[in-house]
Amino acid sequence: MSSRLGDGLWEAKFILPEHMEAMKVKARERKRKTRPMLDDQEQEQILRALSESLREHKRIKLRIFGEYKDVEVSGIVTAVQRYRQEIRLDTAPDEWEWIEIIDVLAAE
């Protein structure tokens, strides 16, 4: 009988679709990450790399925090919004994205 529990037969007969959806949402929530706290030295290194990219138009590679998985993007910093704490990263010709500075985990 225990072999039938994992094959979907048990799920199809005894779990309502609403409950199945709630189980999936809870499983997804368990995988959610919390934002790591960077120390002062790491923050200083990130800010230095961002300002160097802005000043010298150098391509930079950033690791951006994501709730489920971190994302790596590369491009050139072309603008800084100090009051919104965002940078504009040009990733390709005519393509850019605004990134919150707090989301940057590493810069190379």
N, C-alpha and C. Protein backbone atom coordinates (compact mmCIF):
# COMPACT_ATOMS: atom_id res chain seq x y z
N MET A 1 0.82 -1.19 0.00
CA MET A 1 0.00 0.00 0.00
C MET A 1 0.86 1.25 0.00
N SER A 2 2.02 1.21 0.67
CA SER A 2 2.84 2.40 0.72
C SER A 2 3.41 2.76 -0.65
N SER A 3 3.51 1.78 -1.56
CA SER A 3 4.02 2.08 -2.89
C SER A 3 3.00 2.88 -3.71
N ARG A 4 1.74 2.78 -3.37
CA ARG A 4 0.70 3.51 -4.10
C ARG A 4 0.62 4.98 -3.67
N LEU A 5 1.16 5.33 -2.53
CA LEU A 5 1.04 6.70 -2.05
C LEU A 5 1.80 7.68 -2.94
N GLY A 6 2.91 7.28 -3.51
CA GLY A 6 3.71 8.20 -4.29
C GLY A 6 3.38 8.23 -5.77
N ASP A 7 2.50 7.37 -6.26
CA ASP A 7 2.25 7.29 -7.70
C ASP A 7 1.12 8.20 -8.18
N GLY A 8 0.55 9.01 -7.32
CA GLY A 8 -0.50 9.92 -7.74
C GLY A 8 -1.90 9.37 -7.53
N LEU A 9 -2.05 8.07 -7.34
CA LEU A 9 -3.36 7.48 -7.12
C LEU A 9 -3.97 8.02 -5.83
N TRP A 10 -3.18 8.05 -4.77
CA TRP A 10 -3.65 8.57 -3.49
C TRP A 10 -4.01 10.04 -3.62
N GLU A 11 -3.17 10.82 -4.32
CA GLU A 11 -3.42 12.25 -4.48
C GLU A 11 -4.72 12.49 -5.26
N ALA A 12 -4.94 11.71 -6.29
CA ALA A 12 -6.11 11.91 -7.14
C ALA A 12 -7.40 11.61 -6.39
N LYS A 13 -7.37 10.68 -5.46
CA LYS A 13 -8.60 10.28 -4.80
C LYS A 13 -8.90 11.05 -3.52
N PHE A 14 -7.87 11.48 -2.80
CA PHE A 14 -8.11 11.98 -1.45
C PHE A 14 -7.74 13.45 -1.21
N ILE A 15 -7.14 14.13 -2.17
CA ILE A 15 -6.75 15.52 -1.96
C ILE A 15 -7.53 16.42 -2.93
N LEU A 16 -8.19 17.40 -2.37
CA LEU A 16 -8.92 18.36 -3.19
C LEU A 16 -7.93 19.24 -3.96
N PRO A 17 -8.31 19.72 -5.12
CA PRO A 17 -7.41 20.58 -5.90
C PRO A 17 -6.96 21.82 -5.13
N GLU A 18 -7.84 22.39 -4.31
CA GLU A 18 -7.47 23.56 -3.52
C GLU A 18 -6.38 23.22 -2.52
N HIS A 19 -6.48 22.03 -1.92
CA HIS A 19 -5.47 21.61 -0.96
C HIS A 19 -4.15 21.31 -1.65
N MET A 20 -4.21 20.75 -2.84
CA MET A 20 -3.00 20.46 -3.59
C MET A 20 -2.28 21.76 -3.93
N GLU A 21 -3.04 22.78 -4.33
CA GLU A 21 -2.44 24.08 -4.65
C GLU A 21 -1.80 24.70 -3.41
N ALA A 22 -2.48 24.58 -2.27
CA ALA A 22 -1.92 25.12 -1.03
C ALA A 22 -0.64 24.39 -0.65
N MET A 23 -0.57 23.09 -0.88
CA MET A 23 0.65 22.33 -0.60
C MET A 23 1.80 22.79 -1.50
N LYS A 24 1.50 23.08 -2.76
CA LYS A 24 2.53 23.55 -3.69
C LYS A 24 3.04 24.93 -3.28
N VAL A 25 2.12 25.81 -2.84
CA VAL A 25 2.52 27.15 -2.41
C VAL A 25 3.42 27.05 -1.19
N LYS A 26 3.08 26.20 -0.23
CA LYS A 26 3.91 26.03 0.97
C LYS A 26 5.28 25.48 0.62
N ALA A 27 5.34 24.54 -0.32
CA ALA A 27 6.63 23.99 -0.74
C ALA A 27 7.48 25.07 -1.39
N ARG A 28 6.86 25.93 -2.19
CA ARG A 28 7.58 27.03 -2.84
C ARG A 28 8.08 28.02 -1.79
N GLU A 29 7.28 28.30 -0.78
CA GLU A 29 7.68 29.24 0.27
C GLU A 29 8.86 28.72 1.08
N ARG A 30 8.95 27.41 1.26
CA ARG A 30 10.09 26.83 1.99
C ARG A 30 11.40 27.05 1.26
N LYS A 31 11.34 27.17 -0.07
CA LYS A 31 12.54 27.36 -0.87
C LYS A 31 12.98 28.83 -0.92
N ARG A 32 12.16 29.74 -0.45
CA ARG A 32 12.47 31.17 -0.49
C ARG A 32 13.67 31.48 0.41
N LYS A 33 14.57 32.32 -0.10
CA LYS A 33 15.76 32.69 0.64
C LYS A 33 15.56 34.03 1.32
N THR A 34 16.37 34.28 2.33
CA THR A 34 16.37 35.59 2.97
C THR A 34 17.58 36.36 2.45
N ARG A 35 17.47 37.66 2.44
CA ARG A 35 18.55 38.51 1.94
C ARG A 35 19.72 38.46 2.92
N PRO A 36 20.92 38.14 2.43
CA PRO A 36 22.08 38.12 3.33
C PRO A 36 22.51 39.54 3.69
N MET A 37 23.06 39.69 4.87
CA MET A 37 23.58 40.99 5.31
C MET A 37 25.06 41.05 4.98
N LEU A 38 25.44 42.03 4.17
CA LEU A 38 26.83 42.20 3.79
C LEU A 38 27.55 43.06 4.83
N ASP A 39 28.81 42.73 5.07
CA ASP A 39 29.57 43.57 6.00
C ASP A 39 30.05 44.84 5.29
N ASP A 40 30.60 45.76 6.06
CA ASP A 40 31.00 47.06 5.52
C ASP A 40 32.05 46.94 4.42
N GLN A 41 32.97 46.02 4.57
CA GLN A 41 34.03 45.85 3.58
C GLN A 41 33.47 45.38 2.24
N GLU A 42 32.53 44.44 2.27
CA GLU A 42 31.91 43.97 1.03
C GLU A 42 31.10 45.07 0.36
N GLN A 43 30.36 45.84 1.15
CA GLN A 43 29.58 46.95 0.59
C GLN A 43 30.50 47.99 -0.05
N GLU A 44 31.61 48.29 0.61
CA GLU A 44 32.56 49.25 0.07
C GLU A 44 33.14 48.77 -1.26
N GLN A 45 33.46 47.48 -1.34
CA GLN A 45 34.02 46.92 -2.58
C GLN A 45 32.99 46.99 -3.71
N ILE A 46 31.73 46.71 -3.41
CA ILE A 46 30.67 46.78 -4.42
C ILE A 46 30.50 48.21 -4.91
N LEU A 47 30.43 49.17 -3.98
CA LEU A 47 30.26 50.57 -4.36
C LEU A 47 31.45 51.08 -5.17
N ARG A 48 32.64 50.64 -4.81
CA ARG A 48 33.82 51.04 -5.56
C ARG A 48 33.76 50.50 -6.99
N ALA A 49 33.37 49.25 -7.15
CA ALA A 49 33.27 48.64 -8.48
C ALA A 49 32.18 49.33 -9.32
N LEU A 50 31.07 49.68 -8.70
CA LEU A 50 29.99 50.36 -9.41
C LEU A 50 30.43 51.75 -9.88
N SER A 51 31.10 52.48 -9.00
CA SER A 51 31.53 53.83 -9.38
C SER A 51 32.62 53.77 -10.44
N GLU A 52 33.49 52.77 -10.40
CA GLU A 52 34.52 52.61 -11.43
C GLU A 52 33.89 52.31 -12.79
N SER A 53 32.86 51.49 -12.81
CA SER A 53 32.16 51.18 -14.05
C SER A 53 31.49 52.43 -14.61
N LEU A 54 30.90 53.24 -13.74
CA LEU A 54 30.25 54.48 -14.17
C LEU A 54 31.27 55.48 -14.71
N ARG A 55 32.36 55.64 -14.00
CA ARG A 55 33.37 56.63 -14.37
C ARG A 55 34.14 56.26 -15.63
N GLU A 56 34.53 54.99 -15.74
CA GLU A 56 35.41 54.56 -16.83
C GLU A 56 34.69 53.78 -17.93
N HIS A 57 33.39 53.65 -17.83
CA HIS A 57 32.58 52.90 -18.81
C HIS A 57 33.11 51.49 -19.01
N LYS A 58 33.42 50.83 -17.90
CA LYS A 58 33.91 49.46 -17.92
C LYS A 58 32.76 48.50 -17.67
N ARG A 59 32.81 47.36 -18.36
CA ARG A 59 31.81 46.32 -18.15
C ARG A 59 32.04 45.70 -16.77
N ILE A 60 30.94 45.45 -16.07
CA ILE A 60 30.99 44.89 -14.73
C ILE A 60 30.05 43.70 -14.65
N LYS A 61 30.40 42.73 -13.82
CA LYS A 61 29.56 41.55 -13.63
C LYS A 61 29.00 41.60 -12.21
N LEU A 62 27.67 41.53 -12.09
CA LEU A 62 27.00 41.64 -10.80
C LEU A 62 26.26 40.36 -10.47
N ARG A 63 26.27 40.01 -9.19
CA ARG A 63 25.42 38.92 -8.70
C ARG A 63 24.30 39.58 -7.92
N ILE A 64 23.07 39.37 -8.39
CA ILE A 64 21.88 40.04 -7.86
C ILE A 64 21.07 39.04 -7.02
N PHE A 65 20.62 39.51 -5.86
CA PHE A 65 19.79 38.68 -4.98
C PHE A 65 18.45 38.39 -5.62
N GLY A 66 18.03 37.14 -5.55
CA GLY A 66 16.70 36.73 -5.96
C GLY A 66 16.08 35.92 -4.84
N GLU A 67 14.78 35.96 -4.70
CA GLU A 67 14.12 35.26 -3.60
C GLU A 67 14.34 33.75 -3.64
N TYR A 68 14.47 33.21 -4.85
CA TYR A 68 14.64 31.77 -4.98
C TYR A 68 16.01 31.40 -5.53
N LYS A 69 16.59 32.27 -6.35
CA LYS A 69 17.89 31.98 -6.96
C LYS A 69 18.56 33.30 -7.31
N ASP A 70 19.86 33.40 -7.02
CA ASP A 70 20.60 34.60 -7.39
C ASP A 70 20.81 34.64 -8.90
N VAL A 71 20.90 35.85 -9.44
CA VAL A 71 21.03 36.05 -10.88
C VAL A 71 22.33 36.80 -11.15
N GLU A 72 23.03 36.41 -12.21
CA GLU A 72 24.23 37.13 -12.60
C GLU A 72 23.95 37.90 -13.88
N VAL A 73 24.30 39.19 -13.88
CA VAL A 73 24.15 40.05 -15.05
C VAL A 73 25.45 40.82 -15.25
N SER A 74 25.69 41.20 -16.48
CA SER A 74 26.86 42.01 -16.73
C SER A 74 26.47 43.16 -17.64
N GLY A 75 27.17 44.26 -17.49
CA GLY A 75 26.90 45.43 -18.28
C GLY A 75 27.71 46.61 -17.79
N ILE A 76 27.32 47.80 -18.21
CA ILE A 76 28.01 49.03 -17.85
C ILE A 76 27.04 49.91 -17.07
N VAL A 77 27.49 50.40 -15.93
CA VAL A 77 26.68 51.31 -15.14
C VAL A 77 26.67 52.66 -15.85
N THR A 78 25.48 53.16 -16.19
CA THR A 78 25.38 54.42 -16.91
C THR A 78 24.69 55.52 -16.10
N ALA A 79 24.02 55.18 -15.02
CA ALA A 79 23.36 56.18 -14.20
C ALA A 79 23.18 55.66 -12.78
N VAL A 80 23.16 56.60 -11.85
CA VAL A 80 22.93 56.27 -10.44
C VAL A 80 21.84 57.18 -9.92
N GLN A 81 20.81 56.59 -9.36
CA GLN A 81 19.72 57.35 -8.72
C GLN A 81 19.97 57.27 -7.21
N ARG A 82 20.57 58.29 -6.65
CA ARG A 82 20.92 58.26 -5.22
C ARG A 82 19.70 58.21 -4.32
N TYR A 83 18.67 58.98 -4.64
CA TYR A 83 17.51 59.03 -3.75
C TYR A 83 16.70 57.74 -3.82
N ARG A 84 16.77 57.00 -4.92
CA ARG A 84 16.07 55.72 -5.03
C ARG A 84 17.00 54.55 -4.78
N GLN A 85 18.32 54.82 -4.62
CA GLN A 85 19.32 53.79 -4.37
C GLN A 85 19.29 52.72 -5.47
N GLU A 86 19.31 53.20 -6.74
CA GLU A 86 19.29 52.30 -7.89
C GLU A 86 20.40 52.68 -8.86
N ILE A 87 20.79 51.68 -9.65
CA ILE A 87 21.72 51.94 -10.74
C ILE A 87 21.06 51.49 -12.04
N ARG A 88 21.45 52.14 -13.12
CA ARG A 88 20.99 51.72 -14.44
C ARG A 88 22.14 50.95 -15.06
N LEU A 89 21.88 49.69 -15.40
CA LEU A 89 22.90 48.82 -15.98
C LEU A 89 22.54 48.55 -17.43
N ASP A 90 23.36 49.04 -18.35
CA ASP A 90 23.15 48.76 -19.77
C ASP A 90 23.75 47.40 -20.08
N THR A 91 22.89 46.45 -20.42
CA THR A 91 23.34 45.08 -20.65
C THR A 91 23.67 44.81 -22.11
N ALA A 92 23.06 45.55 -23.01
CA ALA A 92 23.29 45.42 -24.46
C ALA A 92 22.86 46.74 -25.09
N PRO A 93 23.20 46.95 -26.36
CA PRO A 93 22.73 48.18 -27.01
C PRO A 93 21.19 48.26 -26.95
N ASP A 94 20.70 49.38 -26.48
CA ASP A 94 19.25 49.64 -26.35
C ASP A 94 18.56 48.71 -25.36
N GLU A 95 19.31 48.09 -24.45
CA GLU A 95 18.72 47.27 -23.39
C GLU A 95 19.36 47.64 -22.07
N TRP A 96 18.54 47.91 -21.04
CA TRP A 96 19.05 48.24 -19.73
C TRP A 96 18.04 47.79 -18.70
N GLU A 97 18.50 47.81 -17.46
CA GLU A 97 17.60 47.51 -16.35
C GLU A 97 18.02 48.31 -15.13
N TRP A 98 17.04 48.69 -14.32
CA TRP A 98 17.30 49.38 -13.08
C TRP A 98 17.44 48.33 -11.99
N ILE A 99 18.51 48.44 -11.21
CA ILE A 99 18.80 47.46 -10.16
C ILE A 99 18.97 48.21 -8.85
N GLU A 100 18.28 47.76 -7.83
CA GLU A 100 18.45 48.36 -6.50
C GLU A 100 19.81 47.97 -5.95
N ILE A 101 20.51 48.94 -5.39
CA ILE A 101 21.87 48.69 -4.90
C ILE A 101 21.86 47.66 -3.77
N ILE A 102 20.82 47.65 -2.97
CA ILE A 102 20.74 46.70 -1.85
C ILE A 102 20.67 45.25 -2.36
N ASP A 103 20.22 45.05 -3.61
CA ASP A 103 20.12 43.71 -4.17
C ASP A 103 21.44 43.18 -4.70
N VAL A 104 22.45 44.03 -4.83
CA VAL A 104 23.74 43.60 -5.36
C VAL A 104 24.51 42.88 -4.27
N LEU A 105 24.85 41.62 -4.52
CA LEU A 105 25.58 40.81 -3.54
C LEU A 105 27.07 40.78 -3.82
N ALA A 106 27.45 40.91 -5.09
CA ALA A 106 28.87 40.89 -5.45
C ALA A 106 29.05 41.63 -6.77
N ALA A 107 30.24 42.21 -6.94
CA ALA A 107 30.57 42.92 -8.17
C ALA A 107 32.00 42.59 -8.56
N GLU A 108 32.20 42.28 -9.82
CA GLU A 108 33.54 41.96 -10.33
C GLU A 108 33.84 42.81 -11.53
